[in-house]
C-alpha atoms as a PDB file:
ATOM      1  CA  UNK A   1     -21.018 -18.412  63.240  1.00  0.00           C
ATOM      2  CA  UNK A   2     -22.315 -15.126  61.726  1.00  0.00           C
ATOM      3  CA  UNK A   3     -20.170 -13.209  59.253  1.00  0.00           C
ATOM      4  CA  UNK A   4     -20.514  -9.507  60.001  1.00  0.00           C
ATOM      5  CA  UNK A   5     -20.421  -6.392  57.809  1.00  0.00           C
ATOM      6  CA  UNK A   6     -20.320  -2.801  59.091  1.00  0.00           C
ATOM      7  CA  UNK A   7     -20.814   0.461  57.198  1.00  0.00           C
ATOM      8  CA  UNK A   8     -19.509   3.756  58.538  1.00  0.00           C
ATOM      9  CA  UNK A   9     -16.836   6.429  58.445  1.00  0.00           C
ATOM     10  CA  UNK A  10     -13.427   5.787  59.939  1.00  0.00           C
ATOM     11  CA  UNK A  11     -11.569   8.901  61.050  1.00  0.00           C
ATOM     12  CA  UNK A  12      -8.348  10.207  62.520  1.00  0.00           C
ATOM     13  CA  UNK A  13      -8.835  10.951  66.215  1.00  0.00           C
ATOM     14  CA  UNK A  14      -6.674  13.778  67.598  1.00  0.00           C
ATOM     15  CA  UNK A  15      -6.671  14.077  71.392  1.00  0.00           C
ATOM     16  CA  UNK A  16      -5.018  16.527  73.755  1.00  0.00           C
ATOM     17  CA  UNK A  17      -2.591  14.850  76.195  1.00  0.00           C
ATOM     18  CA  UNK A  18      -4.061  13.534  79.441  1.00  0.00           C
ATOM     19  CA  UNK A  19      -6.795  15.835  80.653  1.00  0.00           C
ATOM     20  CA  UNK A  20      -5.457  18.995  78.991  1.00  0.00           C
ATOM     21  CA  UNK A  21      -7.713  21.392  77.119  1.00  0.00           C
ATOM     22  CA  UNK A  22      -7.452  21.262  73.342  1.00  0.00           C
ATOM     23  CA  UNK A  23      -4.211  22.926  72.163  1.00  0.00           C
ATOM     24  CA  UNK A  24      -3.192  23.713  75.742  1.00  0.00           C
ATOM     25  CA  UNK A  25       0.154  22.304  74.670  1.00  0.00           C
ATOM     26  CA  UNK A  26       1.312  21.905  71.027  1.00  0.00           C
ATOM     27  CA  UNK A  27       0.788  18.137  71.036  1.00  0.00           C
ATOM     28  CA  UNK A  28      -2.091  15.932  69.867  1.00  0.00           C
ATOM     29  CA  UNK A  29      -2.229  12.144  70.232  1.00  0.00           C
ATOM     30  CA  UNK A  30      -3.445  10.430  67.051  1.00  0.00           C
ATOM     31  CA  UNK A  31      -5.334   7.182  66.595  1.00  0.00           C
ATOM     32  CA  UNK A  32      -7.890   5.607  64.239  1.00  0.00           C
ATOM     33  CA  UNK A  33     -11.540   5.778  65.286  1.00  0.00           C
ATOM     34  CA  UNK A  34     -15.177   5.512  64.255  1.00  0.00           C
ATOM     35  CA  UNK A  35     -18.306   3.900  65.673  1.00  0.00           C
ATOM     36  CA  UNK A  36     -18.886   1.000  63.280  1.00  0.00           C
ATOM     37  CA  UNK A  37     -15.137   0.414  62.908  1.00  0.00           C
ATOM     38  CA  UNK A  38     -14.936   0.107  66.697  1.00  0.00           C
ATOM     39  CA  UNK A  39     -17.568  -2.650  66.577  1.00  0.00           C
ATOM     40  CA  UNK A  40     -15.749  -4.415  63.747  1.00  0.00           C
ATOM     41  CA  UNK A  41     -12.417  -4.366  65.589  1.00  0.00           C
ATOM     42  CA  UNK A  42     -13.935  -5.670  68.825  1.00  0.00           C
ATOM     43  CA  UNK A  43     -15.768  -8.538  67.114  1.00  0.00           C
ATOM     44  CA  UNK A  44     -12.668  -9.427  65.132  1.00  0.00           C
ATOM     45  CA  UNK A  45     -10.716  -9.470  68.406  1.00  0.00           C
ATOM     46  CA  UNK A  46     -13.317 -11.970  69.651  1.00  0.00           C
ATOM     47  CA  UNK A  47     -12.405 -14.193  66.698  1.00  0.00           C
ATOM     48  CA  UNK A  48     -15.359 -13.271  64.482  1.00  0.00           C
ATOM     49  CA  UNK A  49     -15.308 -12.708  60.713  1.00  0.00           C
ATOM     50  CA  UNK A  50     -15.918  -8.977  60.227  1.00  0.00           C
ATOM     51  CA  UNK A  51     -15.783  -6.713  57.182  1.00  0.00           C
ATOM     52  CA  UNK A  52     -15.772  -2.927  57.265  1.00  0.00           C
ATOM     53  CA  UNK A  53     -17.149  -0.839  54.404  1.00  0.00           C
ATOM     54  CA  UNK A  54     -16.302   2.833  53.920  1.00  0.00           C
ATOM     55  CA  UNK A  55     -14.638   5.290  51.537  1.00  0.00           C
ATOM     56  CA  UNK A  56     -11.082   6.443  52.239  1.00  0.00           C
ATOM     57  CA  UNK A  57      -8.690   8.887  50.560  1.00  0.00           C
ATOM     58  CA  UNK A  58      -5.863   7.510  48.439  1.00  0.00           C
ATOM     59  CA  UNK A  59      -3.187   9.019  50.646  1.00  0.00           C
ATOM     60  CA  UNK A  60      -1.100   7.942  53.619  1.00  0.00           C
ATOM     61  CA  UNK A  61      -3.921   8.615  56.088  1.00  0.00           C
ATOM     62  CA  UNK A  62      -6.289   6.324  54.225  1.00  0.00           C
ATOM     63  CA  UNK A  63      -3.604   3.654  53.839  1.00  0.00           C
ATOM     64  CA  UNK A  64      -2.808   3.823  57.558  1.00  0.00           C
ATOM     65  CA  UNK A  65      -6.483   3.339  58.441  1.00  0.00           C
ATOM     66  CA  UNK A  66      -6.615   0.183  56.319  1.00  0.00           C
ATOM     67  CA  UNK A  67      -3.405  -1.126  57.895  1.00  0.00           C
ATOM     68  CA  UNK A  68      -4.816  -0.477  61.373  1.00  0.00           C
ATOM     69  CA  UNK A  69      -8.020  -2.397  60.638  1.00  0.00           C
ATOM     70  CA  UNK A  70      -6.098  -5.291  59.091  1.00  0.00           C
ATOM     71  CA  UNK A  71      -3.910  -5.453  62.202  1.00  0.00           C
ATOM     72  CA  UNK A  72      -7.001  -6.600  64.108  1.00  0.00           C
ATOM     73  CA  UNK A  73      -8.089  -9.021  61.381  1.00  0.00           C
ATOM     74  CA  UNK A  74     -10.884  -6.898  59.880  1.00  0.00           C
ATOM     75  CA  UNK A  75     -11.629  -7.565  56.190  1.00  0.00           C
ATOM     76  CA  UNK A  76     -10.945  -4.324  54.281  1.00  0.00           C
ATOM     77  CA  UNK A  77     -11.404  -5.695  50.761  1.00  0.00           C
ATOM     78  CA  UNK A  78     -14.675  -3.798  50.192  1.00  0.00           C
ATOM     79  CA  UNK A  79     -13.302  -0.364  51.189  1.00  0.00           C
ATOM     80  CA  UNK A  80     -13.429   2.153  48.342  1.00  0.00           C
ATOM     81  CA  UNK A  81     -10.346   4.346  47.819  1.00  0.00           C
ATOM     82  CA  UNK A  82     -10.528   7.604  45.859  1.00  0.00           C
ATOM     83  CA  UNK A  83      -9.222  11.189  45.916  1.00  0.00           C
ATOM     84  CA  UNK A  84     -10.463  13.294  48.819  1.00  0.00           C
ATOM     85  CA  UNK A  85      -9.921  14.048  52.468  1.00  0.00           C
ATOM     86  CA  UNK A  86      -9.893  12.013  55.655  1.00  0.00           C
ATOM     87  CA  UNK A  87     -12.467  12.851  58.329  1.00  0.00           C
ATOM     88  CA  UNK A  88     -11.084  14.136  61.640  1.00  0.00           C
ATOM     89  CA  UNK A  89     -12.305  14.558  65.153  1.00  0.00           C
ATOM     90  CA  UNK A  90     -10.672  16.254  68.123  1.00  0.00           C
ATOM     91  CA  UNK A  91     -11.087  15.124  71.727  1.00  0.00           C
ATOM     92  CA  UNK A  92     -10.625  16.935  75.022  1.00  0.00           C
ATOM     93  CA  UNK A  93     -10.990  14.399  77.835  1.00  0.00           C
ATOM     94  CA  UNK A  94     -13.187  15.583  80.704  1.00  0.00           C
ATOM     95  CA  UNK A  95     -12.488  15.302  84.390  1.00  0.00           C
ATOM     96  CA  UNK A  96     -14.565  15.901  87.510  1.00  0.00           C
ATOM     97  CA  UNK A  97     -17.308  18.398  86.591  1.00  0.00           C
ATOM     98  CA  UNK A  98     -15.800  19.244  83.171  1.00  0.00           C
ATOM     99  CA  UNK A  99     -17.279  16.925  80.510  1.00  0.00           C
ATOM    100  CA  UNK A 100     -15.452  15.345  77.597  1.00  0.00           C
ATOM    101  CA  UNK A 101     -15.710  17.471  74.446  1.00  0.00           C
ATOM    102  CA  UNK A 102     -15.593  16.371  70.809  1.00  0.00           C
ATOM    103  CA  UNK A 103     -15.058  18.662  67.806  1.00  0.00           C
ATOM    104  CA  UNK A 104     -15.782  17.142  64.386  1.00  0.00           C
ATOM    105  CA  UNK A 105     -14.048  18.054  61.130  1.00  0.00           C
ATOM    106  CA  UNK A 106     -15.818  15.727  58.698  1.00  0.00           C
ATOM    107  CA  UNK A 107     -17.311  18.074  56.107  1.00  0.00           C
ATOM    108  CA  UNK A 108     -16.401  17.086  52.539  1.00  0.00           C
ATOM    109  CA  UNK A 109     -14.646  13.900  53.669  1.00  0.00           C
ATOM    110  CA  UNK A 110     -14.495  10.980  51.248  1.00  0.00           C
ATOM    111  CA  UNK A 111     -17.368   9.267  53.039  1.00  0.00           C
ATOM    112  CA  UNK A 112     -19.454  12.453  53.114  1.00  0.00           C
ATOM    113  CA  UNK A 113     -18.899  12.959  49.381  1.00  0.00           C
ATOM    114  CA  UNK A 114     -19.462   9.320  48.376  1.00  0.00           C
ATOM    115  CA  UNK A 115     -22.293   8.603  45.934  1.00  0.00           C
ATOM    116  CA  UNK A 116     -24.894   5.838  46.322  1.00  0.00           C
ATOM    117  CA  UNK A 117     -24.141   4.318  42.904  1.00  0.00           C
ATOM    118  CA  UNK A 118     -20.537   3.660  43.966  1.00  0.00           C
ATOM    119  CA  UNK A 119     -21.730   0.779  46.151  1.00  0.00           C
ATOM    120  CA  UNK A 120     -22.883  -2.538  44.709  1.00  0.00           C
ATOM    121  CA  UNK A 121     -24.559  -3.807  47.860  1.00  0.00           C
ATOM    122  CA  UNK A 122     -25.596  -7.141  46.380  1.00  0.00           C
ATOM    123  CA  UNK A 123     -21.924  -7.878  45.774  1.00  0.00           C
ATOM    124  CA  UNK A 124     -20.588  -6.243  48.957  1.00  0.00           C
ATOM    125  CA  UNK A 125     -22.945  -8.174  51.246  1.00  0.00           C
ATOM    126  CA  UNK A 126     -22.641 -11.514  49.466  1.00  0.00           C
ATOM    127  CA  UNK A 127     -21.781 -14.236  51.967  1.00  0.00           C
ATOM    128  CA  UNK A 128     -22.471 -12.008  54.980  1.00  0.00           C
ATOM    129  CA  UNK A 129     -25.046 -12.851  57.668  1.00  0.00           C
ATOM    130  CA  UNK A 130     -25.229  -9.684  59.756  1.00  0.00           C
ATOM    131  CA  UNK A 131     -25.160  -5.984  58.833  1.00  0.00           C
ATOM    132  CA  UNK A 132     -24.504  -3.263  61.420  1.00  0.00           C
ATOM    133  CA  UNK A 133     -24.790   0.505  61.166  1.00  0.00           C
ATOM    134  CA  UNK A 134     -25.084   3.410  63.584  1.00  0.00           C
ATOM    135  CA  UNK A 135     -27.216   6.517  63.466  1.00  0.00           C
ATOM    136  CA  UNK A 136     -24.049   8.560  62.951  1.00  0.00           C
ATOM    137  CA  UNK A 137     -23.457   7.497  59.344  1.00  0.00           C
ATOM    138  CA  UNK A 138     -26.673   8.941  57.831  1.00  0.00           C
ATOM    139  CA  UNK A 139     -25.941  12.211  59.654  1.00  0.00           C
ATOM    140  CA  UNK A 140     -22.676  12.799  57.773  1.00  0.00           C
ATOM    141  CA  UNK A 141     -24.308  14.022  54.549  1.00  0.00           C
ATOM    142  CA  UNK A 142     -27.393  13.573  52.419  1.00  0.00           C
ATOM    143  CA  UNK A 143     -25.587  11.118  50.146  1.00  0.00           C
ATOM    144  CA  UNK A 144     -24.356   9.137  53.177  1.00  0.00           C
ATOM    145  CA  UNK A 145     -27.967   8.952  54.340  1.00  0.00           C
ATOM    146  CA  UNK A 146     -29.055   7.456  50.998  1.00  0.00           C
ATOM    147  CA  UNK A 147     -26.091   5.035  51.069  1.00  0.00           C
ATOM    148  CA  UNK A 148     -27.115   3.928  54.568  1.00  0.00           C
ATOM    149  CA  UNK A 149     -30.724   3.286  53.581  1.00  0.00           C
ATOM    150  CA  UNK A 150     -29.693   1.480  50.384  1.00  0.00           C
ATOM    151  CA  UNK A 151     -27.401  -0.824  52.352  1.00  0.00           C
ATOM    152  CA  UNK A 152     -30.086  -1.609  54.929  1.00  0.00           C
ATOM    153  CA  UNK A 153     -32.680  -2.337  52.243  1.00  0.00           C
ATOM    154  CA  UNK A 154     -30.423  -4.764  50.406  1.00  0.00           C
ATOM    155  CA  UNK A 155     -29.252  -6.403  53.651  1.00  0.00           C
ATOM    156  CA  UNK A 156     -32.862  -6.972  54.667  1.00  0.00           C
ATOM    157  CA  UNK A 157     -33.805  -8.293  51.237  1.00  0.00           C
ATOM    158  CA  UNK A 158     -30.874 -10.714  51.271  1.00  0.00           C
ATOM    159  CA  UNK A 159     -31.935 -12.069  54.661  1.00  0.00           C
ATOM    160  CA  UNK A 160     -29.138 -10.580  56.793  1.00  0.00           C
ATOM    161  CA  UNK A 161     -29.867  -9.643  60.390  1.00  0.00           C
ATOM    162  CA  UNK A 162     -29.691  -5.835  60.612  1.00  0.00           C
ATOM    163  CA  UNK A 163     -28.630  -4.069  63.798  1.00  0.00           C
ATOM    164  CA  UNK A 164     -28.631  -0.321  64.399  1.00  0.00           C
ATOM    165  CA  UNK A 165     -27.226   1.751  67.259  1.00  0.00           C
ATOM    166  CA  UNK A 166     -29.090   5.064  67.053  1.00  0.00           C
ATOM    167  CA  UNK A 167     -26.170   7.162  68.362  1.00  0.00           C
ATOM    168  CA  UNK A 168     -27.561  10.665  67.761  1.00  0.00           C
ATOM    169  CA  UNK A 169     -24.965  13.336  66.899  1.00  0.00           C
ATOM    170  CA  UNK A 170     -27.004  16.511  66.530  1.00  0.00           C
ATOM    171  CA  UNK A 171     -24.061  18.644  65.392  1.00  0.00           C
ATOM    172  CA  UNK A 172     -23.604  16.489  62.257  1.00  0.00           C
ATOM    173  CA  UNK A 173     -27.141  16.930  60.907  1.00  0.00           C
ATOM    174  CA  UNK A 174     -26.393  19.955  58.707  1.00  0.00           C
ATOM    175  CA  UNK A 175     -27.985  19.160  55.339  1.00  0.00           C
ATOM    176  CA  UNK A 176     -31.550  20.190  56.071  1.00  0.00           C
ATOM    177  CA  UNK A 177     -33.114  16.795  56.742  1.00  0.00           C
ATOM    178  CA  UNK A 178     -35.161  15.900  59.819  1.00  0.00           C
ATOM    179  CA  UNK A 179     -33.222  13.211  61.761  1.00  0.00           C
ATOM    180  CA  UNK A 180     -36.441  11.708  63.147  1.00  0.00           C
ATOM    181  CA  UNK A 181     -37.771  11.183  59.638  1.00  0.00           C
ATOM    182  CA  UNK A 182     -34.555   9.426  58.585  1.00  0.00           C
ATOM    183  CA  UNK A 183     -34.320   7.255  61.700  1.00  0.00           C
ATOM    184  CA  UNK A 184     -37.932   6.158  61.351  1.00  0.00           C
ATOM    185  CA  UNK A 185     -37.213   5.091  57.754  1.00  0.00           C
ATOM    186  CA  UNK A 186     -34.210   3.102  58.965  1.00  0.00           C
ATOM    187  CA  UNK A 187     -36.374   1.313  61.505  1.00  0.00           C
ATOM    188  CA  UNK A 188     -38.292  -0.406  58.695  1.00  0.00           C
ATOM    189  CA  UNK A 189     -35.197  -2.571  58.105  1.00  0.00           C
ATOM    190  CA  UNK A 190     -33.947  -3.088  61.682  1.00  0.00           C
ATOM    191  CA  UNK A 191     -33.982  -6.425  63.502  1.00  0.00           C
ATOM    192  CA  UNK A 192     -31.920  -5.398  66.543  1.00  0.00           C
ATOM    193  CA  UNK A 193     -32.224  -1.849  67.885  1.00  0.00           C
ATOM    194  CA  UNK A 194     -29.743  -0.373  70.377  1.00  0.00           C
ATOM    195  CA  UNK A 195     -30.621   2.932  71.991  1.00  0.00           C
ATOM    196  CA  UNK A 196     -30.617   4.835  75.238  1.00  0.00           C
ATOM    197  CA  UNK A 197     -33.751   6.069  76.965  1.00  0.00           C
ATOM    198  CA  UNK A 198     -33.414   9.593  75.535  1.00  0.00           C
ATOM    199  CA  UNK A 199     -33.001   8.529  71.915  1.00  0.00           C
ATOM    200  CA  UNK A 200     -36.401   6.853  71.783  1.00  0.00           C
ATOM    201  CA  UNK A 201     -37.829  10.354  71.843  1.00  0.00           C
ATOM    202  CA  UNK A 202     -35.038  12.361  70.173  1.00  0.00           C
ATOM    203  CA  UNK A 203     -34.456   9.941  67.289  1.00  0.00           C
ATOM    204  CA  UNK A 204     -37.761   8.156  66.862  1.00  0.00           C
ATOM    205  CA  UNK A 205     -40.275  10.685  68.202  1.00  0.00           C
ATOM    206  CA  UNK A 206     -41.743   8.213  70.701  1.00  0.00           C
ATOM    207  CA  UNK A 207     -43.706   9.400  73.718  1.00  0.00           C
ATOM    208  CA  UNK A 208     -42.856   7.023  76.557  1.00  0.00           C
ATOM    209  CA  UNK A 209     -40.403   8.288  79.162  1.00  0.00           C
ATOM    210  CA  UNK A 210     -38.362   6.712  81.943  1.00  0.00           C
ATOM    211  CA  UNK A 211     -35.958   8.014  84.557  1.00  0.00           C
ATOM    212  CA  UNK A 212     -32.340   6.852  84.757  1.00  0.00           C
ATOM    213  CA  UNK A 213     -32.933   5.901  88.388  1.00  0.00           C
ATOM    214  CA  UNK A 214     -35.595   3.391  87.274  1.00  0.00           C
ATOM    215  CA  UNK A 215     -32.825   0.930  86.449  1.00  0.00           C
ATOM    216  CA  UNK A 216     -32.228   0.618  90.210  1.00  0.00           C
ATOM    217  CA  UNK A 217     -35.772   0.391  91.516  1.00  0.00           C
ATOM    218  CA  UNK A 218     -38.244   0.107  88.610  1.00  0.00           C
ATOM    219  CA  UNK A 219     -36.478  -1.613  85.693  1.00  0.00           C
ATOM    220  CA  UNK A 220     -39.844  -2.818  84.412  1.00  0.00           C
ATOM    221  CA  UNK A 221     -40.499   0.765  83.290  1.00  0.00           C
ATOM    222  CA  UNK A 222     -37.992   0.236  80.477  1.00  0.00           C
ATOM    223  CA  UNK A 223     -40.395  -2.302  79.042  1.00  0.00           C
ATOM    224  CA  UNK A 224     -42.754   0.524  78.076  1.00  0.00           C
ATOM    225  CA  UNK A 225     -40.144   2.046  75.764  1.00  0.00           C
ATOM    226  CA  UNK A 226     -39.677  -1.257  73.973  1.00  0.00           C
ATOM    227  CA  UNK A 227     -43.400  -1.979  73.723  1.00  0.00           C
ATOM    228  CA  UNK A 228     -44.086   1.355  72.018  1.00  0.00           C
ATOM    229  CA  UNK A 229     -41.365   0.668  69.432  1.00  0.00           C
ATOM    230  CA  UNK A 230     -42.455  -2.960  68.907  1.00  0.00           C
ATOM    231  CA  UNK A 231     -45.988  -1.764  68.206  1.00  0.00           C
ATOM    232  CA  UNK A 232     -44.887   0.697  65.515  1.00  0.00           C
ATOM    233  CA  UNK A 233     -42.210  -1.550  63.961  1.00  0.00           C
ATOM    234  CA  UNK A 234     -43.422  -5.146  64.381  1.00  0.00           C
ATOM    235  CA  UNK A 235     -40.493  -6.601  62.395  1.00  0.00           C
ATOM    236  CA  UNK A 236     -38.018  -5.507  65.081  1.00  0.00           C
ATOM    237  CA  UNK A 237     -37.024  -8.582  67.073  1.00  0.00           C
ATOM    238  CA  UNK A 238     -34.850  -7.212  69.884  1.00  0.00           C
ATOM    239  CA  UNK A 239     -34.521  -3.823  71.556  1.00  0.00           C
ATOM    240  CA  UNK A 240     -31.631  -2.979  73.862  1.00  0.00           C
ATOM    241  CA  UNK A 241     -31.901   0.106  76.051  1.00  0.00           C
ATOM    242  CA  UNK A 242     -28.594   1.306  77.477  1.00  0.00           C
ATOM    243  CA  UNK A 243     -28.539   3.234  80.747  1.00  0.00           C
ATOM    244  CA  UNK A 244     -25.829   5.549  82.054  1.00  0.00           C
ATOM    245  CA  UNK A 245     -25.889   7.473  85.322  1.00  0.00           C
ATOM    246  CA  UNK A 246     -23.280  10.213  85.610  1.00  0.00           C
ATOM    247  CA  UNK A 247     -21.891  11.480  88.896  1.00  0.00           C
ATOM    248  CA  UNK A 248     -18.961  13.217  87.163  1.00  0.00           C
ATOM    249  CA  UNK A 249     -16.781  12.785  84.081  1.00  0.00           C
ATOM    250  CA  UNK A 250     -14.776  10.219  86.077  1.00  0.00           C
ATOM    251  CA  UNK A 251     -17.556   8.400  87.978  1.00  0.00           C
ATOM    252  CA  UNK A 252     -20.471   6.777  86.180  1.00  0.00           C
ATOM    253  CA  UNK A 253     -22.513   3.591  86.188  1.00  0.00           C
ATOM    254  CA  UNK A 254     -23.672   1.521  83.222  1.00  0.00           C
ATOM    255  CA  UNK A 255     -26.420  -1.033  82.689  1.00  0.00           C
ATOM    256  CA  UNK A 256     -28.724  -2.199  79.901  1.00  0.00           C
ATOM    257  CA  UNK A 257     -32.043  -3.915  79.279  1.00  0.00           C
ATOM    258  CA  UNK A 258     -32.639  -6.513  76.547  1.00  0.00           C
ATOM    259  CA  UNK A 259     -36.213  -6.855  75.319  1.00  0.00           C
ATOM    260  CA  UNK A 260     -37.861  -9.281  72.960  1.00  0.00           C
ATOM    261  CA  UNK A 261     -41.586  -9.118  72.330  1.00  0.00           C
ATOM    262  CA  UNK A 262     -42.198 -11.658  75.078  1.00  0.00           C
ATOM    263  CA  UNK A 263     -39.395 -11.212  77.616  1.00  0.00           C
ATOM    264  CA  UNK A 264     -37.064  -8.739  79.290  1.00  0.00           C
ATOM    265  CA  UNK A 265     -33.611  -9.221  80.842  1.00  0.00           C
ATOM    266  CA  UNK A 266     -31.827  -6.610  82.959  1.00  0.00           C
ATOM    267  CA  UNK A 267     -28.041  -6.606  83.199  1.00  0.00           C
ATOM    268  CA  UNK A 268     -25.979  -6.162  86.288  1.00  0.00           C
ATOM    269  CA  UNK A 269     -25.270  -2.513  87.128  1.00  0.00           C
ATOM    270  CA  UNK A 270     -21.554  -1.725  87.033  1.00  0.00           C
ATOM    271  CA  UNK A 271     -20.211   1.286  88.916  1.00  0.00           C
ATOM    272  CA  UNK A 272     -17.145   2.791  87.237  1.00  0.00           C
ATOM    273  CA  UNK A 273     -14.593   5.025  88.983  1.00  0.00           C
ATOM    274  CA  UNK A 274     -11.532   6.713  87.479  1.00  0.00           C
ATOM    275  CA  UNK A 275     -12.737   6.612  83.868  1.00  0.00           C
ATOM    276  CA  UNK A 276      -9.851   6.709  81.410  1.00  0.00           C
ATOM    277  CA  UNK A 277     -11.780   7.108  78.132  1.00  0.00           C
ATOM    278  CA  UNK A 278     -15.554   7.303  77.723  1.00  0.00           C
ATOM    279  CA  UNK A 279     -15.516   7.309  73.892  1.00  0.00           C
ATOM    280  CA  UNK A 280     -16.264   4.000  72.180  1.00  0.00           C
ATOM    281  CA  UNK A 281     -17.949   2.464  75.213  1.00  0.00           C
ATOM    282  CA  UNK A 282     -21.300   2.188  73.447  1.00  0.00           C
ATOM    283  CA  UNK A 283     -19.626   0.457  70.514  1.00  0.00           C
ATOM    284  CA  UNK A 284     -18.005  -1.977  72.943  1.00  0.00           C
ATOM    285  CA  UNK A 285     -21.458  -2.737  74.325  1.00  0.00           C
ATOM    286  CA  UNK A 286     -22.762  -3.366  70.805  1.00  0.00           C
ATOM    287  CA  UNK A 287     -19.905  -5.747  70.033  1.00  0.00           C
ATOM    288  CA  UNK A 288     -20.480  -7.558  73.323  1.00  0.00           C
ATOM    289  CA  UNK A 289     -24.193  -7.778  72.570  1.00  0.00           C
ATOM    290  CA  UNK A 290     -23.698  -9.263  69.097  1.00  0.00           C
ATOM    291  CA  UNK A 291     -21.188 -11.767  70.438  1.00  0.00           C
ATOM    292  CA  UNK A 292     -23.486 -12.630  73.338  1.00  0.00           C
ATOM    293  CA  UNK A 293     -26.525 -13.159  71.124  1.00  0.00           C
ATOM    294  CA  UNK A 294     -24.502 -15.644  69.096  1.00  0.00           C
ATOM    295  CA  UNK A 295     -23.344 -17.569  72.162  1.00  0.00           C
ATOM    296  CA  UNK A 296     -25.974 -17.262  74.914  1.00  0.00           C
ATOM    297  CA  UNK A 297     -28.992 -15.984  72.968  1.00  0.00           C
ATOM    298  CA  UNK A 298     -31.680 -13.842  74.547  1.00  0.00           C
ATOM    299  CA  UNK A 299     -30.641 -13.945  78.196  1.00  0.00           C
ATOM    300  CA  UNK A 300     -29.304 -12.076  81.205  1.00  0.00           C
ATOM    301  CA  UNK A 301     -25.897 -13.584  80.400  1.00  0.00           C
ATOM    302  CA  UNK A 302     -25.892 -11.863  77.004  1.00  0.00           C
ATOM    303  CA  UNK A 303     -26.842  -8.406  78.199  1.00  0.00           C
ATOM    304  CA  UNK A 304     -24.504  -8.626  81.195  1.00  0.00           C
ATOM    305  CA  UNK A 305     -21.607  -9.584  78.893  1.00  0.00           C
ATOM    306  CA  UNK A 306     -22.412  -6.572  76.709  1.00  0.00           C
ATOM    307  CA  UNK A 307     -22.406  -4.193  79.679  1.00  0.00           C
ATOM    308  CA  UNK A 308     -19.177  -5.692  81.016  1.00  0.00           C
ATOM    309  CA  UNK A 309     -17.522  -5.091  77.632  1.00  0.00           C
ATOM    310  CA  UNK A 310     -18.632  -1.466  77.825  1.00  0.00           C
ATOM    311  CA  UNK A 311     -17.374  -1.125  81.399  1.00  0.00           C
ATOM    312  CA  UNK A 312     -13.918  -2.443  80.517  1.00  0.00           C
ATOM    313  CA  UNK A 313     -13.664  -0.059  77.554  1.00  0.00           C
ATOM    314  CA  UNK A 314     -13.877   2.863  80.044  1.00  0.00           C
ATOM    315  CA  UNK A 315     -10.415   1.802  81.247  1.00  0.00           C
ATOM    316  CA  UNK A 316      -8.758   1.731  77.796  1.00  0.00           C
ATOM    317  CA  UNK A 317      -7.478   4.823  75.931  1.00  0.00           C
ATOM    318  CA  UNK A 318      -8.560   5.241  72.320  1.00  0.00           C
ATOM    319  CA  UNK A 319     -11.745   4.240  70.516  1.00  0.00           C
ATOM    320  CA  UNK A 320     -11.067   0.491  70.259  1.00  0.00           C
ATOM    321  CA  UNK A 321     -11.993  -2.155  72.821  1.00  0.00           C
ATOM    322  CA  UNK A 322      -8.736  -4.039  73.390  1.00  0.00           C
ATOM    323  CA  UNK A 323     -10.021  -6.819  75.624  1.00  0.00           C
ATOM    324  CA  UNK A 324     -10.448 -10.576  75.378  1.00  0.00           C
ATOM    325  CA  UNK A 325     -13.588 -12.623  75.869  1.00  0.00           C
ATOM    326  CA  UNK A 326     -12.023 -14.054  79.028  1.00  0.00           C
ATOM    327  CA  UNK A 327     -11.358 -10.615  80.531  1.00  0.00           C
ATOM    328  CA  UNK A 328     -14.921  -9.515  79.906  1.00  0.00           C
ATOM    329  CA  UNK A 329     -16.375 -12.741  81.274  1.00  0.00           C
ATOM    330  CA  UNK A 330     -14.229 -12.365  84.404  1.00  0.00           C
ATOM    331  CA  UNK A 331     -15.938  -9.032  85.072  1.00  0.00           C
ATOM    332  CA  UNK A 332     -19.344 -10.625  84.514  1.00  0.00           C
ATOM    333  CA  UNK A 333     -18.362 -13.295  87.037  1.00  0.00           C
ATOM    334  CA  UNK A 334     -17.311 -10.698  89.597  1.00  0.00           C
ATOM    335  CA  UNK A 335     -13.514 -10.681  89.284  1.00  0.00           C
ATOM    336  CA  UNK A 336     -13.336  -6.881  89.283  1.00  0.00           C
ATOM    337  CA  UNK A 337      -9.814  -5.486  89.232  1.00  0.00           C
ATOM    338  CA  UNK A 338      -8.068  -8.538  90.682  1.00  0.00           C
ATOM    339  CA  UNK A 339      -4.409  -8.962  89.761  1.00  0.00           C
ATOM    340  CA  UNK A 340      -3.786 -11.697  87.184  1.00  0.00           C
ATOM    341  CA  UNK A 341      -0.474 -13.496  87.769  1.00  0.00           C
END
């Protein structure tokens, strides 16, 4: 059973009530959030050994974040604590034709100000089998970018499997570095790549294109995206392309394609109505993918489990996937929305 480690920034999420605009009323709902932390919590909920690595302020906000992670069984022993500020993000949930909006307040956070020499990656990753990171972490600051690359290099050298969810956040890239250049450097250490069809171009500068509708009638077109990446980065072993079709903020469909160099598996397509919370759904897919690869390997079962995990997260408020293996598998098996008594 793999022992997982995740590097990223955990933040305080502040959301307007229901579907209100930000500050429409003088109330904000608070919770703990962050891409890699979301993956860690989900995998820990599945009974897996997960550790989360970050830098947090030595105040009540930082302490609360650690308590929240420990509540789900995540190992927090490698988290650095020092003076500084906690990163924030604000959420306004979309509805109908009004999209969900996110406003970041992460400048000068503890993670953004962390220095590469504060992390002894040989020690931190000792005894771990799998390292996961998203494309958000190197966007936080130039030092966070160097920390990310250092961690990936050591993880690769120590023989860990390295997974990366590209997760482009254009608004965070403010320190004068070309994101494509950074992401292409990261790819030298990646074993499992998770991306959507747009990020192959936006993050990696690749040329192949597909249409979202291809997932319904020409799923083989997604193979071209993977083949171009496999050719450039031959050490990559698996490429997952996520697909989302959006009718409105409340009605969307999700699917994904798992590629190895020799095979391709297409998930079921799940139509989602009455979306409660779109944020964290990609992280739920990643957690479902990693769990599936451990249990059913390269297969349609694995990628369908990952997509089902993502679909269920759309029904759960907050960043975290609060769902059991059995609930997710029930959706894979077709038990959609049936009462459980």
